Amino acid sequence: MIKEIEKADSNAGAPIRIGVAGVGTVGAALVNMLQGQQDVVQKRFGRDIEVTAVCARSRSRDRGVDLSAVEWFDDPVQLAKSDSIDLYVELMGGEDGPALASIRAALEAGIPVVTANKALIAKHGVEIARLAEKHNTSFSFEAAVAGGIPVIKTLREGLGLARVQRVYGIMNGTCNYILTRMSNEEISFAACLKDAQELGYAEADPTFDIEGNDTAHKLAILTSLCFGTEIAADEMFVEGITRIDQADIKVADDLGFNIKLLGVAQRTPDGIEQRVHPTLIPKSSTIAGIDGVMNAIALETNHVQELLMAGPGAGGEATAASVLADIFDSARGTLVPPLGMPVDELAPYKKARMRAHEGGYFIRLNARDIPGALAAIASRMGESDISLESVIQRPDLVVNDPEAGDVATRTVVLITQETMEESVRQTLDRVAQDGFIVGTPQVIRIERF
């Protein structure tokens, strides 16, 4: 103990040395922030926080920051466990490989770790949290969920004894940008996606975003923090936005709704329900007005009712700001369980089935243009005790389905009252077997927040 005190005294006032693996958009923004604001850092901590070592694929690439004085490593694992750094920042990405190996190496060496790697946390978060606890060091990941929104810190430290009942939100800027453009400008999904790629909001391969997987990883992390369960990224319903059509946008607008891709997790008597899918939200709700690349997270608790946090969900500076916030906490010596409570106290994840949703369902289908088709469909709904709030047919609601071929069809939208997911799916299967519809029905849940 005396040696530790002497070591701490000898380091008092010395710079905190940061090692960064991955100097892309976020890494470069982080370096720039620290290099340009050391006077502010000094005022807050009485000592400098400096990036003194980096690991990146290319040493010659112009990143817009001065890295001439830093130590370069070719192997992130060697950087992570080096005694030349006091804190390791992983910004490479990837759920396995060098990212996982280097984080393990740093924690085993007792070095605090900060990351923005949501995929890695969704897959290995419990294991990594246990490793951090074992070596009495910190593992922080504010930037992994919703970019610049401090939702992780809020859940780990800011709610006191409040018990979260439901968490939901817009967690992917690419999808929100596309749906906003489709709504405001009446252009197709494909055109919006192309624009998003040209503007840098979407990757060359956008599948991970538009199919809902990115949102699912973030939701799994939030679920663990909200409900004290092990992370279960594979235990949820996930549906993306690729099938959203202008017909859906127009009808939703007429009915007073916006369409958003939401991640929703809630506590139920049967377990935890996690789901990611497009959702009709009343325009009067606050979250319906979160447009463009913005993100928003809402927490419903027994003490503070609803807490809504909104802000930029991606981008170099916003993400780097969250990384820097974690670095500051480590510099202060803040040490909390990475997942909000000790890993051994986390409950096993118990999956609950998707329940009834207030407001029911929006169902778009291509019905054969033959006598009795609509009556037969309505009859099947009645047999399953699914009450229809409205049936909408308009000449401008025409969605061409490749499966229809030369068959004449009419695009029909059904709005149901509250019912069960299982009932809707089973009924639509029977309707398809009857031969009165062509193609796959579009089903969008309605939530009234």
Protein backbone atom coordinates (compact mmCIF):
# COMPACT_ATOMS: atom_id res chain seq x y z
CA MET A 1 0.00 0.00 0.00
CA ILE A 2 2.87 2.38 0.84
CA LYS A 3 4.40 1.72 -2.58
CA GLU A 4 1.08 2.48 -4.30
CA ILE A 5 0.76 5.77 -2.40
CA GLU A 6 4.33 6.72 -3.30
CA LYS A 7 3.63 5.87 -6.95
CA ALA A 8 0.46 7.99 -6.94
CA ASP A 9 2.33 10.92 -5.37
CA SER A 10 5.10 10.68 -7.95
CA ASN A 11 2.55 10.79 -10.77
CA ALA A 12 0.59 13.72 -9.37
CA GLY A 13 0.57 16.47 -11.97
CA ALA A 14 1.99 14.25 -14.73
CA PRO A 15 -0.02 14.04 -17.96
CA ILE A 16 -2.55 11.25 -18.32
CA ARG A 17 -1.27 9.28 -21.30
CA ILE A 18 -3.88 8.04 -23.77
CA GLY A 19 -3.33 5.28 -26.32
CA VAL A 20 -5.78 5.30 -29.25
CA ALA A 21 -6.32 2.35 -31.60
CA GLY A 22 -8.09 3.53 -34.73
CA VAL A 23 -7.52 7.08 -35.92
CA GLY A 24 -10.39 7.46 -38.36
CA THR A 25 -13.10 10.12 -38.21
CA VAL A 26 -13.77 9.69 -34.48
CA GLY A 27 -10.16 9.10 -33.47
CA ALA A 28 -8.94 12.16 -35.34
CA ALA A 29 -11.71 14.29 -33.81
CA LEU A 30 -10.69 13.07 -30.35
CA VAL A 31 -7.03 13.94 -30.92
CA ASN A 32 -8.01 17.36 -32.25
CA MET A 33 -10.19 18.08 -29.20
CA LEU A 34 -7.45 17.20 -26.76
CA GLN A 35 -4.71 19.03 -28.64
CA GLY A 36 -6.77 22.19 -28.96
CA GLN A 37 -8.19 22.44 -25.44
CA GLN A 38 -5.41 21.57 -23.00
CA ASP A 39 -6.02 24.83 -21.15
CA VAL A 40 -9.57 23.67 -20.35
CA VAL A 41 -8.32 20.22 -19.36
CA GLN A 42 -5.77 21.76 -17.02
CA LYS A 43 -8.44 23.86 -15.31
CA ARG A 44 -10.65 20.83 -14.75
CA PHE A 45 -8.03 18.29 -13.64
CA GLY A 46 -4.86 20.18 -12.81
CA ARG A 47 -2.97 17.99 -15.27
CA ASP A 48 -2.89 17.37 -19.01
CA ILE A 49 -4.61 14.55 -20.85
CA GLU A 50 -2.58 13.72 -23.93
CA VAL A 51 -2.74 11.21 -26.76
CA THR A 52 0.80 9.83 -26.60
CA ALA A 53 0.43 6.63 -28.63
CA VAL A 54 -1.68 5.43 -31.54
CA CYS A 55 -2.24 2.37 -33.69
CA ALA A 56 -3.64 2.73 -37.20
CA ARG A 57 -3.41 1.00 -40.56
CA SER A 58 -1.60 3.86 -42.30
CA ARG A 59 1.04 6.15 -40.87
CA SER A 60 1.14 8.39 -43.94
CA ARG A 61 -2.56 9.21 -44.26
CA ASP A 62 -3.45 12.87 -43.69
CA ARG A 63 -5.94 12.92 -40.82
CA GLY A 64 -5.95 16.67 -40.28
CA VAL A 65 -4.19 16.39 -36.89
CA ASP A 66 -0.54 16.45 -35.84
CA LEU A 67 0.62 12.95 -34.88
CA SER A 68 4.32 13.56 -35.34
CA ALA A 69 5.11 13.43 -31.63
CA VAL A 70 3.14 10.28 -30.76
CA GLU A 71 4.45 6.75 -30.47
CA TRP A 72 3.17 4.44 -33.21
CA PHE A 73 2.24 0.79 -32.67
CA ASP A 74 1.55 -1.73 -35.42
CA ASP A 75 -0.23 -4.12 -33.07
CA PRO A 76 -3.20 -2.81 -31.02
CA VAL A 77 -2.69 -5.55 -28.43
CA GLN A 78 0.86 -4.33 -27.76
CA LEU A 79 -0.45 -0.77 -27.46
CA ALA A 80 -3.25 -1.83 -25.11
CA LYS A 81 -0.94 -3.47 -22.57
CA SER A 82 1.96 -1.04 -22.93
CA ASP A 83 3.24 0.57 -19.75
CA SER A 84 3.63 3.79 -21.77
CA ILE A 85 -0.11 4.54 -21.52
CA ASP A 86 -2.51 5.11 -18.64
CA LEU A 87 -5.76 4.59 -20.59
CA TYR A 88 -6.65 2.68 -23.76
CA VAL A 89 -9.22 3.93 -26.30
CA GLU A 90 -10.48 1.39 -28.86
CA LEU A 91 -12.00 2.95 -31.99
CA MET A 92 -11.21 0.28 -34.60
CA GLY A 93 -14.59 -1.44 -34.61
CA GLY A 94 -15.40 -5.10 -35.15
CA GLU A 95 -17.05 -7.48 -32.70
CA ASP A 96 -14.06 -9.84 -32.52
CA GLY A 97 -10.45 -9.86 -33.74
CA PRO A 98 -7.99 -7.11 -32.75
CA ALA A 99 -10.64 -5.00 -31.01
CA LEU A 100 -11.63 -7.76 -28.59
CA ALA A 101 -8.09 -9.01 -28.09
CA SER A 102 -6.74 -5.53 -27.33
CA ILE A 103 -9.52 -4.68 -24.87
CA ARG A 104 -8.92 -7.93 -23.03
CA ALA A 105 -5.17 -7.20 -22.93
CA ALA A 106 -5.67 -3.70 -21.52
CA LEU A 107 -8.08 -4.81 -18.79
CA GLU A 108 -5.87 -7.74 -17.79
CA ALA A 109 -3.06 -5.21 -17.38
CA GLY A 110 -5.31 -3.06 -15.17
CA ILE A 111 -5.55 -0.29 -17.77
CA PRO A 112 -8.94 1.50 -18.09
CA VAL A 113 -10.67 1.10 -21.45
CA VAL A 114 -12.96 3.43 -23.40
CA THR A 115 -14.67 2.26 -26.60
CA ALA A 116 -17.42 3.20 -29.06
CA ASN A 117 -17.79 -0.39 -30.28
CA LYS A 118 -21.47 -1.35 -29.94
CA ALA A 119 -21.17 -4.61 -31.88
CA LEU A 120 -18.43 -5.86 -29.58
CA ILE A 121 -20.35 -4.90 -26.44
CA ALA A 122 -23.55 -6.49 -27.72
CA LYS A 123 -21.69 -9.77 -28.24
CA HIS A 124 -19.06 -9.78 -25.47
CA GLY A 125 -20.21 -7.09 -23.04
CA VAL A 126 -20.88 -9.40 -20.10
CA GLU A 127 -17.50 -11.11 -20.42
CA ILE A 128 -15.65 -7.78 -20.74
CA ALA A 129 -17.50 -6.24 -17.80
CA ARG A 130 -16.57 -9.23 -15.66
CA LEU A 131 -12.92 -8.84 -16.69
CA ALA A 132 -12.95 -5.14 -15.78
CA GLU A 133 -14.44 -5.92 -12.37
CA LYS A 134 -11.90 -8.68 -11.77
CA HIS A 135 -8.98 -6.30 -12.39
CA ASN A 136 -10.63 -3.39 -10.58
CA THR A 137 -10.52 -1.05 -13.55
CA SER A 138 -13.07 0.78 -15.68
CA PHE A 139 -14.69 -0.15 -18.98
CA SER A 140 -16.68 2.73 -20.51
CA PHE A 141 -18.73 2.90 -23.69
CA GLU A 142 -20.89 6.05 -23.73
CA ALA A 143 -20.23 6.58 -27.45
CA ALA A 144 -21.50 3.10 -28.36
CA VAL A 145 -25.18 4.12 -28.08
CA ALA A 146 -26.71 7.26 -29.59
CA GLY A 147 -23.46 9.12 -30.26
CA GLY A 148 -23.40 12.37 -28.31
CA ILE A 149 -26.40 11.60 -26.06
CA PRO A 150 -25.24 10.71 -22.51
CA VAL A 151 -27.73 7.89 -22.03
CA ILE A 152 -25.25 5.34 -20.64
CA LYS A 153 -24.11 7.66 -17.85
CA THR A 154 -27.73 8.54 -17.12
CA LEU A 155 -28.65 4.88 -16.69
CA ARG A 156 -25.55 3.94 -14.68
CA GLU A 157 -25.39 6.97 -12.40
CA GLY A 158 -28.19 9.48 -12.94
CA LEU A 159 -31.50 7.83 -12.06
CA GLY A 160 -30.99 7.07 -8.38
CA LEU A 161 -33.55 4.48 -7.31
CA ALA A 162 -35.84 5.04 -10.29
CA ARG A 163 -36.91 1.77 -11.90
CA VAL A 164 -37.11 1.77 -15.70
CA GLN A 165 -40.29 0.19 -17.07
CA ARG A 166 -39.73 0.87 -20.76
CA VAL A 167 -36.99 2.29 -22.98
CA TYR A 168 -37.53 3.22 -26.59
CA GLY A 169 -36.03 5.47 -29.17
CA ILE A 170 -34.65 6.39 -32.55
CA MET A 171 -31.14 4.96 -32.52
CA ASN A 172 -29.97 5.02 -36.13
CA GLY A 173 -29.38 8.29 -37.97
CA THR A 174 -29.25 6.68 -41.42
CA CYS A 175 -32.75 5.22 -41.12
CA ASN A 176 -34.14 8.40 -39.57
CA TYR A 177 -32.68 10.49 -42.39
CA ILE A 178 -34.24 8.23 -45.03
CA LEU A 179 -37.69 8.18 -43.42
CA THR A 180 -37.61 11.94 -42.88
CA ARG A 181 -36.76 12.59 -46.53
CA MET A 182 -39.43 10.15 -47.71
CA SER A 183 -42.02 11.95 -45.59
CA ASN A 184 -41.04 15.52 -46.42
CA GLU A 185 -40.20 15.20 -50.10
CA GLU A 186 -42.33 12.26 -51.31
CA ILE A 187 -39.38 10.43 -52.84
CA SER A 188 -38.69 6.71 -52.86
CA PHE A 189 -36.70 4.66 -50.39
CA ALA A 190 -34.07 3.86 -53.04
CA ALA A 191 -33.57 7.53 -53.92
CA CYS A 192 -33.24 8.52 -50.26
CA LEU A 193 -30.73 5.75 -49.61
CA LYS A 194 -28.61 6.85 -52.57
CA ASP A 195 -28.56 10.44 -51.28
CA ALA A 196 -27.64 9.22 -47.79
CA GLN A 197 -24.68 7.34 -49.22
CA GLU A 198 -23.50 10.33 -51.23
CA LEU A 199 -23.70 12.54 -48.12
CA GLY A 200 -21.80 10.04 -45.99
CA TYR A 201 -24.76 9.21 -43.75
CA ALA A 202 -24.93 5.64 -45.06
CA GLU A 203 -22.17 3.12 -45.75
CA ALA A 204 -21.46 1.72 -49.21
CA ASP A 205 -23.09 -1.44 -47.87
CA PRO A 206 -25.93 -0.04 -45.71
CA THR A 207 -27.46 -3.40 -44.81
CA PHE A 208 -26.45 -3.29 -41.14
CA ASP A 209 -28.26 0.03 -40.70
CA ILE A 210 -31.35 -0.29 -42.86
CA GLU A 211 -32.16 -3.86 -41.76
CA GLY A 212 -32.26 -2.77 -38.11
CA ASN A 213 -29.16 -4.60 -36.83
CA ASP A 214 -27.36 -1.46 -35.69
CA THR A 215 -30.40 -0.42 -33.66
CA ALA A 216 -30.67 -3.94 -32.25
CA HIS A 217 -27.12 -3.86 -30.88
CA LYS A 218 -27.74 -0.52 -29.19
CA LEU A 219 -31.07 -1.65 -27.78
CA ALA A 220 -29.52 -4.82 -26.32
CA ILE A 221 -27.00 -2.71 -24.41
CA LEU A 222 -29.71 -0.37 -23.11
CA THR A 223 -31.90 -3.32 -22.11
CA SER A 224 -29.15 -4.72 -19.90
CA LEU A 225 -28.60 -1.37 -18.20
CA CYS A 226 -32.32 -0.65 -17.79
CA PHE A 227 -33.45 -4.01 -16.47
CA GLY A 228 -30.36 -5.54 -14.87
CA THR A 229 -30.20 -8.51 -17.23
CA GLU A 230 -27.45 -10.11 -19.24
CA ILE A 231 -27.06 -8.70 -22.77
CA ALA A 232 -29.15 -10.66 -25.27
CA ALA A 233 -28.72 -9.12 -28.71
CA ASP A 234 -29.95 -12.27 -30.46
CA GLU A 235 -33.17 -12.47 -28.42
CA MET A 236 -35.27 -9.86 -30.17
CA PHE A 237 -37.55 -9.24 -33.12
CA VAL A 238 -35.71 -7.17 -35.76
CA GLU A 239 -37.22 -5.64 -38.89
CA GLY A 240 -35.71 -2.88 -41.01
CA ILE A 241 -37.14 -0.17 -43.22
CA THR A 242 -36.48 -1.56 -46.71
CA ARG A 243 -40.17 -2.31 -47.37
CA ILE A 244 -41.46 1.14 -46.42
CA ASP A 245 -43.23 2.63 -49.45
CA GLN A 246 -44.70 6.04 -50.23
CA ALA A 247 -48.14 4.47 -49.82
CA ASP A 248 -47.29 3.80 -46.16
CA ILE A 249 -45.96 7.34 -45.70
CA LYS A 250 -49.06 8.94 -47.26
CA VAL A 251 -51.63 6.95 -45.27
CA ALA A 252 -49.69 7.48 -42.05
CA ASP A 253 -49.63 11.21 -42.73
CA ASP A 254 -53.39 11.30 -43.40
CA LEU A 255 -54.01 9.52 -40.11
CA GLY A 256 -51.77 11.91 -38.15
CA PHE A 257 -48.72 9.65 -37.80
CA ASN A 258 -45.04 9.70 -38.72
CA ILE A 259 -43.12 6.50 -39.42
CA LYS A 260 -39.91 5.96 -37.43
CA LEU A 261 -37.61 2.99 -36.93
CA LEU A 262 -37.78 2.38 -33.18
CA GLY A 263 -35.99 0.13 -30.76
CA VAL A 264 -38.31 -0.74 -27.86
CA ALA A 265 -37.65 -2.78 -24.71
CA GLN A 266 -40.02 -3.15 -21.80
CA ARG A 267 -40.43 -5.12 -18.62
CA THR A 268 -43.43 -7.48 -18.58
CA PRO A 269 -44.71 -10.08 -16.09
CA ASP A 270 -43.38 -12.78 -18.44
CA GLY A 271 -39.90 -11.34 -18.95
CA ILE A 272 -38.29 -8.69 -21.16
CA GLU A 273 -39.64 -7.78 -24.57
CA GLN A 274 -37.12 -6.40 -27.09
CA ARG A 275 -38.07 -5.34 -30.62
CA VAL A 276 -36.81 -3.21 -33.49
CA HIS A 277 -39.18 -2.25 -36.29
CA PRO A 278 -40.81 0.61 -38.21
CA THR A 279 -43.52 2.21 -36.10
CA LEU A 280 -46.40 4.64 -36.63
CA ILE A 281 -46.13 7.37 -33.99
CA PRO A 282 -48.66 10.21 -33.48
CA LYS A 283 -47.31 13.49 -34.80
CA SER A 284 -48.30 15.07 -31.50
CA SER A 285 -45.66 13.05 -29.62
CA THR A 286 -42.26 14.63 -29.04
CA ILE A 287 -40.25 11.78 -30.51
CA ALA A 288 -42.19 11.97 -33.79
CA GLY A 289 -40.53 15.33 -34.41
CA ILE A 290 -36.98 13.96 -34.19
CA ASP A 291 -35.93 14.23 -37.83
CA GLY A 292 -32.89 13.86 -40.05
CA VAL A 293 -29.82 12.16 -38.58
CA MET A 294 -30.84 12.97 -35.00
CA ASN A 295 -31.34 10.28 -32.36
CA ALA A 296 -33.59 10.23 -29.30
CA ILE A 297 -33.89 7.92 -26.29
CA ALA A 298 -36.90 7.88 -23.97
CA LEU A 299 -36.92 6.30 -20.52
CA GLU A 300 -40.17 5.59 -18.68
CA THR A 301 -39.57 5.12 -14.95
CA ASN A 302 -41.59 4.93 -11.76
CA HIS A 303 -40.06 8.15 -10.37
CA VAL A 304 -39.40 10.58 -13.24
CA GLN A 305 -42.17 9.33 -15.53
CA GLU A 306 -40.74 9.95 -19.01
CA LEU A 307 -37.24 11.29 -19.64
CA LEU A 308 -36.42 12.12 -23.28
CA MET A 309 -32.87 12.78 -24.46
CA ALA A 310 -32.19 13.87 -28.04
CA GLY A 311 -29.11 14.84 -30.00
CA PRO A 312 -26.73 13.83 -32.78
CA GLY A 313 -26.45 10.07 -32.95
CA ALA A 314 -23.31 9.88 -35.06
CA GLY A 315 -20.53 11.94 -36.57
CA GLY A 316 -16.91 12.41 -35.61
CA GLU A 317 -17.24 15.28 -33.14
CA ALA A 318 -20.42 14.07 -31.41
CA THR A 319 -19.02 10.57 -30.91
CA ALA A 320 -15.60 11.88 -29.87
CA ALA A 321 -17.30 14.12 -27.30
CA SER A 322 -18.80 11.03 -25.64
CA VAL A 323 -15.45 9.24 -25.77
CA LEU A 324 -13.86 12.27 -24.13
CA ALA A 325 -16.52 12.30 -21.40
CA ASP A 326 -15.56 8.72 -20.55
CA ILE A 327 -11.88 9.67 -20.51
CA PHE A 328 -12.65 12.50 -18.08
CA ASP A 329 -14.49 10.10 -15.77
CA SER A 330 -11.51 7.74 -15.79
CA ALA A 331 -9.20 10.68 -15.10
CA ARG A 332 -11.31 11.51 -12.04
CA GLY A 333 -11.04 7.94 -10.84
CA THR A 334 -14.75 7.21 -11.32
CA LEU A 335 -15.29 3.47 -11.05
CA VAL A 336 -18.77 1.98 -11.50
CA PRO A 337 -19.85 -1.46 -12.73
CA PRO A 338 -19.78 -1.28 -16.54
CA LEU A 339 -23.32 -2.69 -16.84
CA GLY A 340 -24.74 -0.74 -13.93
CA MET A 341 -24.41 -3.52 -11.37
CA PRO A 342 -21.86 -6.29 -10.74
CA VAL A 343 -21.99 -8.94 -13.45
CA ASP A 344 -22.72 -11.69 -10.93
CA GLU A 345 -25.89 -9.83 -9.95
CA LEU A 346 -27.26 -9.57 -13.49
CA ALA A 347 -30.34 -11.70 -14.05
CA PRO A 348 -30.39 -14.20 -16.91
CA TYR A 349 -32.31 -12.73 -19.83
CA LYS A 350 -35.85 -14.09 -20.05
CA LYS A 351 -37.51 -13.39 -23.36
CA ALA A 352 -41.19 -12.40 -23.37
CA ARG A 353 -43.36 -12.73 -26.42
CA MET A 354 -44.43 -9.60 -28.26
CA ARG A 355 -47.59 -8.36 -26.61
CA ALA A 356 -50.61 -6.32 -27.64
CA HIS A 357 -49.84 -2.80 -28.75
CA GLU A 358 -52.10 0.12 -27.98
CA GLY A 359 -53.37 1.49 -31.28
CA GLY A 360 -53.08 -1.82 -33.08
CA TYR A 361 -51.55 -2.41 -36.50
CA PHE A 362 -51.23 -0.84 -39.92
CA ILE A 363 -51.58 -3.59 -42.55
CA ARG A 364 -50.98 -2.91 -46.25
CA LEU A 365 -51.70 -5.69 -48.69
CA ASN A 366 -52.28 -6.21 -52.40
CA ALA A 367 -55.73 -7.75 -52.75
CA ARG A 368 -56.82 -9.46 -55.95
CA ASP A 369 -59.23 -7.22 -57.84
CA ILE A 370 -62.08 -9.76 -57.79
CA PRO A 371 -65.56 -9.68 -56.20
CA GLY A 372 -65.67 -10.72 -52.56
CA ALA A 373 -61.92 -10.40 -51.90
CA LEU A 374 -62.18 -7.57 -49.39
CA ALA A 375 -65.17 -9.17 -47.64
CA ALA A 376 -63.28 -12.45 -47.30
CA ILE A 377 -60.28 -10.68 -45.80
CA ALA A 378 -62.46 -8.81 -43.31
CA SER A 379 -64.20 -12.07 -42.43
CA ARG A 380 -60.87 -13.74 -41.59
CA MET A 381 -60.03 -10.79 -39.33
CA GLY A 382 -63.35 -11.20 -37.53
CA GLU A 383 -62.77 -14.92 -37.01
CA SER A 384 -59.58 -14.01 -35.11
CA ASP A 385 -61.34 -11.34 -33.04
CA ILE A 386 -59.34 -8.60 -34.76
CA SER A 387 -61.45 -5.44 -34.90
CA LEU A 388 -60.85 -3.14 -37.86
CA GLU A 389 -60.80 0.56 -37.13
CA SER A 390 -60.72 1.52 -40.80
CA VAL A 391 -60.26 0.14 -44.31
CA ILE A 392 -58.55 2.50 -46.78
CA GLN A 393 -58.58 2.26 -50.55
CA ARG A 394 -57.37 5.15 -52.70
CA PRO A 395 -56.45 5.32 -56.39
CA ASP A 396 -53.04 6.83 -55.51
CA LEU A 397 -52.19 3.95 -53.16
CA VAL A 398 -50.73 1.60 -55.73
CA VAL A 399 -47.78 -0.56 -54.74
CA ASN A 400 -46.60 -2.80 -57.53
CA ASP A 401 -45.56 -6.20 -56.25
CA PRO A 402 -43.25 -8.32 -58.46
CA GLU A 403 -45.08 -11.43 -57.24
CA ALA A 404 -48.34 -10.21 -58.75
CA GLY A 405 -47.24 -10.66 -62.35
CA ASP A 406 -50.19 -9.92 -64.62
CA VAL A 407 -52.75 -10.33 -61.81
CA ALA A 408 -54.90 -7.23 -61.26
CA THR A 409 -54.64 -6.05 -57.66
CA ARG A 410 -55.73 -3.18 -55.41
CA THR A 411 -53.58 -1.82 -52.62
CA VAL A 412 -55.63 -1.90 -49.41
CA VAL A 413 -54.69 -0.59 -45.96
CA LEU A 414 -56.31 -1.98 -42.82
CA ILE A 415 -56.01 -0.26 -39.45
CA THR A 416 -56.75 -2.61 -36.56
CA GLN A 417 -57.61 -1.93 -32.97
CA GLU A 418 -55.43 -3.36 -30.22
CA THR A 419 -54.62 -7.00 -30.79
CA MET A 420 -51.86 -9.56 -30.46
CA GLU A 421 -48.90 -9.89 -32.83
CA GLU A 422 -49.43 -13.63 -33.08
CA SER A 423 -53.08 -13.17 -34.06
CA VAL A 424 -52.20 -10.74 -36.85
CA ARG A 425 -49.52 -13.01 -38.32
CA GLN A 426 -51.64 -16.14 -38.19
CA THR A 427 -54.64 -14.39 -39.74
CA LEU A 428 -52.58 -12.98 -42.60
CA ASP A 429 -51.21 -16.47 -43.26
CA ARG A 430 -54.80 -17.76 -43.60
CA VAL A 431 -55.71 -14.86 -45.88
CA ALA A 432 -52.74 -15.70 -48.10
CA GLN A 433 -53.79 -19.37 -48.21
CA ASP A 434 -57.29 -18.29 -49.30
CA GLY A 435 -55.68 -16.81 -52.40
CA PHE A 436 -57.17 -13.33 -52.06
CA ILE A 437 -53.85 -11.45 -51.72
CA VAL A 438 -50.60 -11.38 -53.68
CA GLY A 439 -47.15 -10.93 -52.19
CA THR A 440 -46.14 -10.33 -48.59
CA PRO A 441 -48.35 -8.01 -46.50
CA GLN A 442 -46.74 -4.97 -44.91
CA VAL A 443 -47.33 -4.89 -41.16
CA ILE A 444 -46.37 -1.81 -39.13
CA ARG A 445 -47.08 -1.52 -35.43
CA ILE A 446 -48.77 1.59 -34.04
CA GLU A 447 -47.51 3.05 -30.77
CA ARG A 448 -49.13 5.97 -28.94
CA PHE A 449 -46.45 7.51 -26.75
